[in-house]
Amino acid sequence: MAEQDVSVLLVDDELNTLKVLSAILRSAGYGVTMARTAEEALDRAQKQPFDVVVTDFRLPGMSGGELLHALQE
């Protein structure tokens, strides 16, 4: 699987962190989607499947662990 075929969902409430990680991954050829809340991430995941999810553990409303558990269901 080539990098451009890998879709990554980045989840972090800090915009600067999202921008830096997104720039690094995109420059390596990965497809990147960003979300600033767990709820936004769940909404995006319902619309599109992702190969990889990278999440902050401390998110408002729902932890990163809870988000990953919800995404598995």
PDB file of N, CA and C in Angstrom:
ATOM      1  N   MET A   1       0.842  -1.172   0.000  1.00  0.00           N
ATOM      2  CA  MET A   1       0.000   0.000   0.000  1.00  0.00           C
ATOM      3  C   MET A   1       0.890   1.239   0.000  1.00  0.00           C
ATOM      4  N   ALA A   2       0.723   2.108  -0.967  1.00  0.00           N
ATOM      5  CA  ALA A   2       1.494   3.340  -1.046  1.00  0.00           C
ATOM      6  C   ALA A   2       0.980   4.338  -0.018  1.00  0.00           C
ATOM      7  N   GLU A   3       1.851   5.274   0.399  1.00  0.00           N
ATOM      8  CA  GLU A   3       1.466   6.241   1.418  1.00  0.00           C
ATOM      9  C   GLU A   3       0.199   6.992   1.044  1.00  0.00           C
ATOM     10  N   GLN A   4       0.069   7.418  -0.221  1.00  0.00           N
ATOM     11  CA  GLN A   4      -1.089   8.201  -0.624  1.00  0.00           C
ATOM     12  C   GLN A   4      -2.387   7.410  -0.524  1.00  0.00           C
ATOM     13  N   ASP A   5      -2.293   6.098  -0.416  1.00  0.00           N
ATOM     14  CA  ASP A   5      -3.471   5.260  -0.250  1.00  0.00           C
ATOM     15  C   ASP A   5      -3.867   5.122   1.215  1.00  0.00           C
ATOM     16  N   VAL A   6      -3.052   5.638   2.119  1.00  0.00           N
ATOM     17  CA  VAL A   6      -3.319   5.524   3.550  1.00  0.00           C
ATOM     18  C   VAL A   6      -3.995   6.812   4.030  1.00  0.00           C
ATOM     19  N   SER A   7      -5.183   6.655   4.607  1.00  0.00           N
ATOM     20  CA  SER A   7      -5.906   7.821   5.124  1.00  0.00           C
ATOM     21  C   SER A   7      -5.734   7.894   6.637  1.00  0.00           C
ATOM     22  N   VAL A   8      -5.371   9.086   7.108  1.00  0.00           N
ATOM     23  CA  VAL A   8      -5.080   9.303   8.520  1.00  0.00           C
ATOM     24  C   VAL A   8      -6.058  10.332   9.082  1.00  0.00           C
ATOM     25  N   LEU A   9      -6.651  10.009  10.222  1.00  0.00           N
ATOM     26  CA  LEU A   9      -7.492  10.958  10.947  1.00  0.00           C
ATOM     27  C   LEU A   9      -6.697  11.463  12.143  1.00  0.00           C
ATOM     28  N   LEU A  10      -6.425  12.767  12.168  1.00  0.00           N
ATOM     29  CA  LEU A  10      -5.720  13.399  13.284  1.00  0.00           C
ATOM     30  C   LEU A  10      -6.742  14.088  14.175  1.00  0.00           C
ATOM     31  N   VAL A  11      -6.666  13.834  15.481  1.00  0.00           N
ATOM     32  CA  VAL A  11      -7.618  14.430  16.416  1.00  0.00           C
ATOM     33  C   VAL A  11      -6.850  15.106  17.545  1.00  0.00           C
ATOM     34  N   ASP A  12      -7.009  16.415  17.651  1.00  0.00           N
ATOM     35  CA  ASP A  12      -6.370  17.172  18.728  1.00  0.00           C
ATOM     36  C   ASP A  12      -7.109  18.496  18.864  1.00  0.00           C
ATOM     37  N   ASP A  13      -7.295  18.953  20.082  1.00  0.00           N
ATOM     38  CA  ASP A  13      -7.983  20.225  20.284  1.00  0.00           C
ATOM     39  C   ASP A  13      -7.053  21.424  20.096  1.00  0.00           C
ATOM     40  N   GLU A  14      -5.771  21.181  19.937  1.00  0.00           N
ATOM     41  CA  GLU A  14      -4.819  22.263  19.699  1.00  0.00           C
ATOM     42  C   GLU A  14      -4.517  22.361  18.207  1.00  0.00           C
ATOM     43  N   LEU A  15      -4.941  23.472  17.617  1.00  0.00           N
ATOM     44  CA  LEU A  15      -4.826  23.659  16.175  1.00  0.00           C
ATOM     45  C   LEU A  15      -3.381  23.609  15.689  1.00  0.00           C
ATOM     46  N   ASN A  16      -2.454  24.191  16.441  1.00  0.00           N
ATOM     47  CA  ASN A  16      -1.048  24.180  16.014  1.00  0.00           C
ATOM     48  C   ASN A  16      -0.501  22.761  15.908  1.00  0.00           C
ATOM     49  N   THR A  17      -0.875  21.900  16.841  1.00  0.00           N
ATOM     50  CA  THR A  17      -0.441  20.503  16.795  1.00  0.00           C
ATOM     51  C   THR A  17      -0.986  19.828  15.548  1.00  0.00           C
ATOM     52  N   LEU A  18      -2.259  20.059  15.262  1.00  0.00           N
ATOM     53  CA  LEU A  18      -2.860  19.478  14.053  1.00  0.00           C
ATOM     54  C   LEU A  18      -2.142  19.953  12.795  1.00  0.00           C
ATOM     55  N   LYS A  19      -1.851  21.241  12.733  1.00  0.00           N
ATOM     56  CA  LYS A  19      -1.201  21.798  11.541  1.00  0.00           C
ATOM     57  C   LYS A  19       0.179  21.192  11.318  1.00  0.00           C
ATOM     58  N   VAL A  20       0.956  21.059  12.389  1.00  0.00           N
ATOM     59  CA  VAL A  20       2.315  20.511  12.265  1.00  0.00           C
ATOM     60  C   VAL A  20       2.267  19.047  11.840  1.00  0.00           C
ATOM     61  N   LEU A  21       1.472  18.243  12.545  1.00  0.00           N
ATOM     62  CA  LEU A  21       1.374  16.817  12.199  1.00  0.00           C
ATOM     63  C   LEU A  21       0.828  16.626  10.790  1.00  0.00           C
ATOM     64  N   SER A  22      -0.167  17.418  10.431  1.00  0.00           N
ATOM     65  CA  SER A  22      -0.750  17.320   9.099  1.00  0.00           C
ATOM     66  C   SER A  22       0.279  17.642   8.019  1.00  0.00           C
ATOM     67  N   ALA A  23       1.044  18.691   8.220  1.00  0.00           N
ATOM     68  CA  ALA A  23       2.060  19.077   7.236  1.00  0.00           C
ATOM     69  C   ALA A  23       3.100  17.977   7.060  1.00  0.00           C
ATOM     70  N   ILE A  24       3.524  17.382   8.152  1.00  0.00           N
ATOM     71  CA  ILE A  24       4.521  16.307   8.084  1.00  0.00           C
ATOM     72  C   ILE A  24       3.967  15.110   7.317  1.00  0.00           C
ATOM     73  N   LEU A  25       2.764  14.690   7.673  1.00  0.00           N
ATOM     74  CA  LEU A  25       2.173  13.515   7.020  1.00  0.00           C
ATOM     75  C   LEU A  25       1.854  13.777   5.553  1.00  0.00           C
ATOM     76  N   ARG A  26       1.324  14.953   5.254  1.00  0.00           N
ATOM     77  CA  ARG A  26       1.007  15.277   3.854  1.00  0.00           C
ATOM     78  C   ARG A  26       2.273  15.340   3.003  1.00  0.00           C
ATOM     79  N   SER A  27       3.352  15.886   3.567  1.00  0.00           N
ATOM     80  CA  SER A  27       4.602  15.961   2.804  1.00  0.00           C
ATOM     81  C   SER A  27       5.168  14.572   2.529  1.00  0.00           C
ATOM     82  N   ALA A  28       4.774  13.599   3.356  1.00  0.00           N
ATOM     83  CA  ALA A  28       5.193  12.211   3.140  1.00  0.00           C
ATOM     84  C   ALA A  28       4.213  11.468   2.233  1.00  0.00           C
ATOM     85  N   GLY A  29       3.155  12.155   1.803  1.00  0.00           N
ATOM     86  CA  GLY A  29       2.236  11.560   0.847  1.00  0.00           C
ATOM     87  C   GLY A  29       0.978  10.935   1.428  1.00  0.00           C
ATOM     88  N   TYR A  30       0.748  11.104   2.723  1.00  0.00           N
ATOM     89  CA  TYR A  30      -0.443  10.524   3.343  1.00  0.00           C
ATOM     90  C   TYR A  30      -1.646  11.437   3.154  1.00  0.00           C
ATOM     91  N   GLY A  31      -2.817  10.829   3.061  1.00  0.00           N
ATOM     92  CA  GLY A  31      -4.057  11.595   3.051  1.00  0.00           C
ATOM     93  C   GLY A  31      -4.445  11.896   4.487  1.00  0.00           C
ATOM     94  N   VAL A  32      -4.693  13.162   4.802  1.00  0.00           N
ATOM     95  CA  VAL A  32      -4.935  13.564   6.187  1.00  0.00           C
ATOM     96  C   VAL A  32      -6.262  14.303   6.314  1.00  0.00           C
ATOM     97  N   THR A  33      -7.016  13.932   7.341  1.00  0.00           N
ATOM     98  CA  THR A  33      -8.220  14.646   7.743  1.00  0.00           C
ATOM     99  C   THR A  33      -8.033  15.033   9.199  1.00  0.00           C
ATOM    100  N   MET A  34      -8.443  16.255   9.545  1.00  0.00           N
ATOM    101  CA  MET A  34      -8.257  16.736  10.909  1.00  0.00           C
ATOM    102  C   MET A  34      -9.598  16.920  11.610  1.00  0.00           C
ATOM    103  N   ALA A  35      -9.592  16.714  12.923  1.00  0.00           N
ATOM    104  CA  ALA A  35     -10.756  16.976  13.767  1.00  0.00           C
ATOM    105  C   ALA A  35     -10.263  17.565  15.080  1.00  0.00           C
ATOM    106  N   ARG A  36     -11.020  18.530  15.622  1.00  0.00           N
ATOM    107  CA  ARG A  36     -10.600  19.188  16.865  1.00  0.00           C
ATOM    108  C   ARG A  36     -11.315  18.660  18.092  1.00  0.00           C
ATOM    109  N   THR A  37     -12.340  17.834  17.891  1.00  0.00           N
ATOM    110  CA  THR A  37     -13.049  17.221  19.018  1.00  0.00           C
ATOM    111  C   THR A  37     -13.317  15.757  18.699  1.00  0.00           C
ATOM    112  N   ALA A  38     -13.599  14.990  19.730  1.00  0.00           N
ATOM    113  CA  ALA A  38     -13.935  13.582  19.524  1.00  0.00           C
ATOM    114  C   ALA A  38     -15.230  13.452  18.731  1.00  0.00           C
ATOM    115  N   GLU A  39     -16.184  14.319  19.018  1.00  0.00           N
ATOM    116  CA  GLU A  39     -17.456  14.278  18.306  1.00  0.00           C
ATOM    117  C   GLU A  39     -17.261  14.543  16.816  1.00  0.00           C
ATOM    118  N   GLU A  40     -16.414  15.507  16.490  1.00  0.00           N
ATOM    119  CA  GLU A  40     -16.107  15.801  15.091  1.00  0.00           C
ATOM    120  C   GLU A  40     -15.416  14.603  14.439  1.00  0.00           C
ATOM    121  N   ALA A  41     -14.522  13.961  15.164  1.00  0.00           N
ATOM    122  CA  ALA A  41     -13.823  12.781  14.638  1.00  0.00           C
ATOM    123  C   ALA A  41     -14.808  11.652  14.355  1.00  0.00           C
ATOM    124  N   LEU A  42     -15.743  11.423  15.273  1.00  0.00           N
ATOM    125  CA  LEU A  42     -16.749  10.375  15.061  1.00  0.00           C
ATOM    126  C   LEU A  42     -17.606  10.683  13.844  1.00  0.00           C
ATOM    127  N   ASP A  43     -17.969  11.948  13.675  1.00  0.00           N
ATOM    128  CA  ASP A  43     -18.764  12.352  12.516  1.00  0.00           C
ATOM    129  C   ASP A  43     -18.002  12.104  11.219  1.00  0.00           C
ATOM    130  N   ARG A  44     -16.739  12.475  11.195  1.00  0.00           N
ATOM    131  CA  ARG A  44     -15.923  12.268   9.990  1.00  0.00           C
ATOM    132  C   ARG A  44     -15.731  10.776   9.704  1.00  0.00           C
ATOM    133  N   ALA A  45     -15.574   9.983  10.756  1.00  0.00           N
ATOM    134  CA  ALA A  45     -15.367   8.542  10.582  1.00  0.00           C
ATOM    135  C   ALA A  45     -16.624   7.843  10.071  1.00  0.00           C
ATOM    136  N   GLN A  46     -17.791   8.410  10.336  1.00  0.00           N
ATOM    137  CA  GLN A  46     -19.025   7.839   9.799  1.00  0.00           C
ATOM    138  C   GLN A  46     -19.137   8.080   8.303  1.00  0.00           C
ATOM    139  N   LYS A  47     -18.509   9.145   7.828  1.00  0.00           N
ATOM    140  CA  LYS A  47     -18.590   9.517   6.416  1.00  0.00           C
ATOM    141  C   LYS A  47     -17.483   8.897   5.575  1.00  0.00           C
ATOM    142  N   GLN A  48     -16.373   8.536   6.217  1.00  0.00           N
ATOM    143  CA  GLN A  48     -15.207   8.037   5.487  1.00  0.00           C
ATOM    144  C   GLN A  48     -14.420   7.085   6.381  1.00  0.00           C
ATOM    145  N   PRO A  49     -14.003   5.944   5.860  1.00  0.00           N
ATOM    146  CA  PRO A  49     -13.152   5.055   6.658  1.00  0.00           C
ATOM    147  C   PRO A  49     -11.711   5.586   6.705  1.00  0.00           C
ATOM    148  N   PHE A  50     -11.041   5.352   7.823  1.00  0.00           N
ATOM    149  CA  PHE A  50      -9.647   5.764   7.980  1.00  0.00           C
ATOM    150  C   PHE A  50      -8.796   4.550   8.301  1.00  0.00           C
ATOM    151  N   ASP A  51      -7.587   4.547   7.760  1.00  0.00           N
ATOM    152  CA  ASP A  51      -6.648   3.460   8.024  1.00  0.00           C
ATOM    153  C   ASP A  51      -5.957   3.633   9.369  1.00  0.00           C
ATOM    154  N   VAL A  52      -5.719   4.894   9.741  1.00  0.00           N
ATOM    155  CA  VAL A  52      -4.982   5.207  10.964  1.00  0.00           C
ATOM    156  C   VAL A  52      -5.670   6.371  11.677  1.00  0.00           C
ATOM    157  N   VAL A  53      -5.761   6.273  13.003  1.00  0.00           N
ATOM    158  CA  VAL A  53      -6.264   7.383  13.816  1.00  0.00           C
ATOM    159  C   VAL A  53      -5.173   7.756  14.811  1.00  0.00           C
ATOM    160  N   VAL A  54      -4.807   9.034  14.812  1.00  0.00           N
ATOM    161  CA  VAL A  54      -3.840   9.562  15.774  1.00  0.00           C
ATOM    162  C   VAL A  54      -4.597  10.585  16.611  1.00  0.00           C
ATOM    163  N   THR A  55      -4.723  10.315  17.908  1.00  0.00           N
ATOM    164  CA  THR A  55      -5.516  11.197  18.751  1.00  0.00           C
ATOM    165  C   THR A  55      -4.777  11.624  20.011  1.00  0.00           C
ATOM    166  N   ASP A  56      -5.063  12.825  20.426  1.00  0.00           N
ATOM    167  CA  ASP A  56      -4.636  13.311  21.732  1.00  0.00           C
ATOM    168  C   ASP A  56      -5.430  12.522  22.766  1.00  0.00           C
ATOM    169  N   PHE A  57      -4.847  12.249  23.899  1.00  0.00           N
ATOM    170  CA  PHE A  57      -5.581  11.514  24.923  1.00  0.00           C
ATOM    171  C   PHE A  57      -6.543  12.428  25.667  1.00  0.00           C
ATOM    172  N   ARG A  58      -6.138  13.676  25.868  1.00  0.00           N
ATOM    173  CA  ARG A  58      -6.978  14.627  26.605  1.00  0.00           C
ATOM    174  C   ARG A  58      -7.736  15.505  25.618  1.00  0.00           C
ATOM    175  N   LEU A  59      -8.979  15.158  25.413  1.00  0.00           N
ATOM    176  CA  LEU A  59      -9.862  15.925  24.544  1.00  0.00           C
ATOM    177  C   LEU A  59     -11.043  16.421  25.367  1.00  0.00           C
ATOM    178  N   PRO A  60     -11.636  17.547  24.981  1.00  0.00           N
ATOM    179  CA  PRO A  60     -12.813  18.014  25.712  1.00  0.00           C
ATOM    180  C   PRO A  60     -14.007  17.091  25.465  1.00  0.00           C
ATOM    181  N   GLY A  61     -14.690  16.714  26.538  1.00  0.00           N
ATOM    182  CA  GLY A  61     -15.910  15.924  26.408  1.00  0.00           C
ATOM    183  C   GLY A  61     -15.720  14.421  26.396  1.00  0.00           C
ATOM    184  N   MET A  62     -14.675  13.950  25.766  1.00  0.00           N
ATOM    185  CA  MET A  62     -14.432  12.512  25.626  1.00  0.00           C
ATOM    186  C   MET A  62     -12.928  12.306  25.512  1.00  0.00           C
ATOM    187  N   SER A  63     -12.383  11.337  26.211  1.00  0.00           N
ATOM    188  CA  SER A  63     -10.937  11.100  26.134  1.00  0.00           C
ATOM    189  C   SER A  63     -10.574  10.431  24.807  1.00  0.00           C
ATOM    190  N   GLY A  64      -9.309  10.479  24.479  1.00  0.00           N
ATOM    191  CA  GLY A  64      -8.840   9.804  23.274  1.00  0.00           C
ATOM    192  C   GLY A  64      -9.089   8.308  23.336  1.00  0.00           C
ATOM    193  N   GLY A  65      -8.953   7.730  24.524  1.00  0.00           N
ATOM    194  CA  GLY A  65      -9.231   6.301  24.702  1.00  0.00           C
ATOM    195  C   GLY A  65     -10.690   5.977  24.445  1.00  0.00           C
ATOM    196  N   GLU A  66     -11.572   6.827  24.958  1.00  0.00           N
ATOM    197  CA  GLU A  66     -13.009   6.636  24.714  1.00  0.00           C
ATOM    198  C   GLU A  66     -13.332   6.792  23.233  1.00  0.00           C
ATOM    199  N   LEU A  67     -12.665   7.737  22.593  1.00  0.00           N
ATOM    200  CA  LEU A  67     -12.861   7.932  21.155  1.00  0.00           C
ATOM    201  C   LEU A  67     -12.456   6.685  20.385  1.00  0.00           C
ATOM    202  N   LEU A  68     -11.288   6.140  20.682  1.00  0.00           N
ATOM    203  CA  LEU A  68     -10.832   4.942  19.973  1.00  0.00           C
ATOM    204  C   LEU A  68     -11.787   3.773  20.197  1.00  0.00           C
ATOM    205  N   HIS A  69     -12.288   3.647  21.408  1.00  0.00           N
ATOM    206  CA  HIS A  69     -13.259   2.586  21.702  1.00  0.00           C
ATOM    207  C   HIS A  69     -14.535   2.794  20.879  1.00  0.00           C
ATOM    208  N   ALA A  70     -15.015   4.019  20.809  1.00  0.00           N
ATOM    209  CA  ALA A  70     -16.222   4.318  20.030  1.00  0.00           C
ATOM    210  C   ALA A  70     -16.001   4.056  18.543  1.00  0.00           C
ATOM    211  N   LEU A  71     -14.805   4.336  18.050  1.00  0.00           N
ATOM    212  CA  LEU A  71     -14.506   4.108  16.632  1.00  0.00           C
ATOM    213  C   LEU A  71     -14.455   2.621  16.298  1.00  0.00           C
ATOM    214  N   GLN A  72     -14.093   1.793  17.267  1.00  0.00           N
ATOM    215  CA  GLN A  72     -14.027   0.349  17.031  1.00  0.00           C
ATOM    216  C   GLN A  72     -15.409  -0.265  16.896  1.00  0.00           C
ATOM    217  N   GLU A  73     -16.407   0.356  17.484  1.00  0.00           N
ATOM    218  CA  GLU A  73     -17.761  -0.211  17.472  1.00  0.00           C
ATOM    219  C   GLU A  73     -18.443  -0.064  16.141  1.00  0.00           C
TER     220      GLU A  73
END
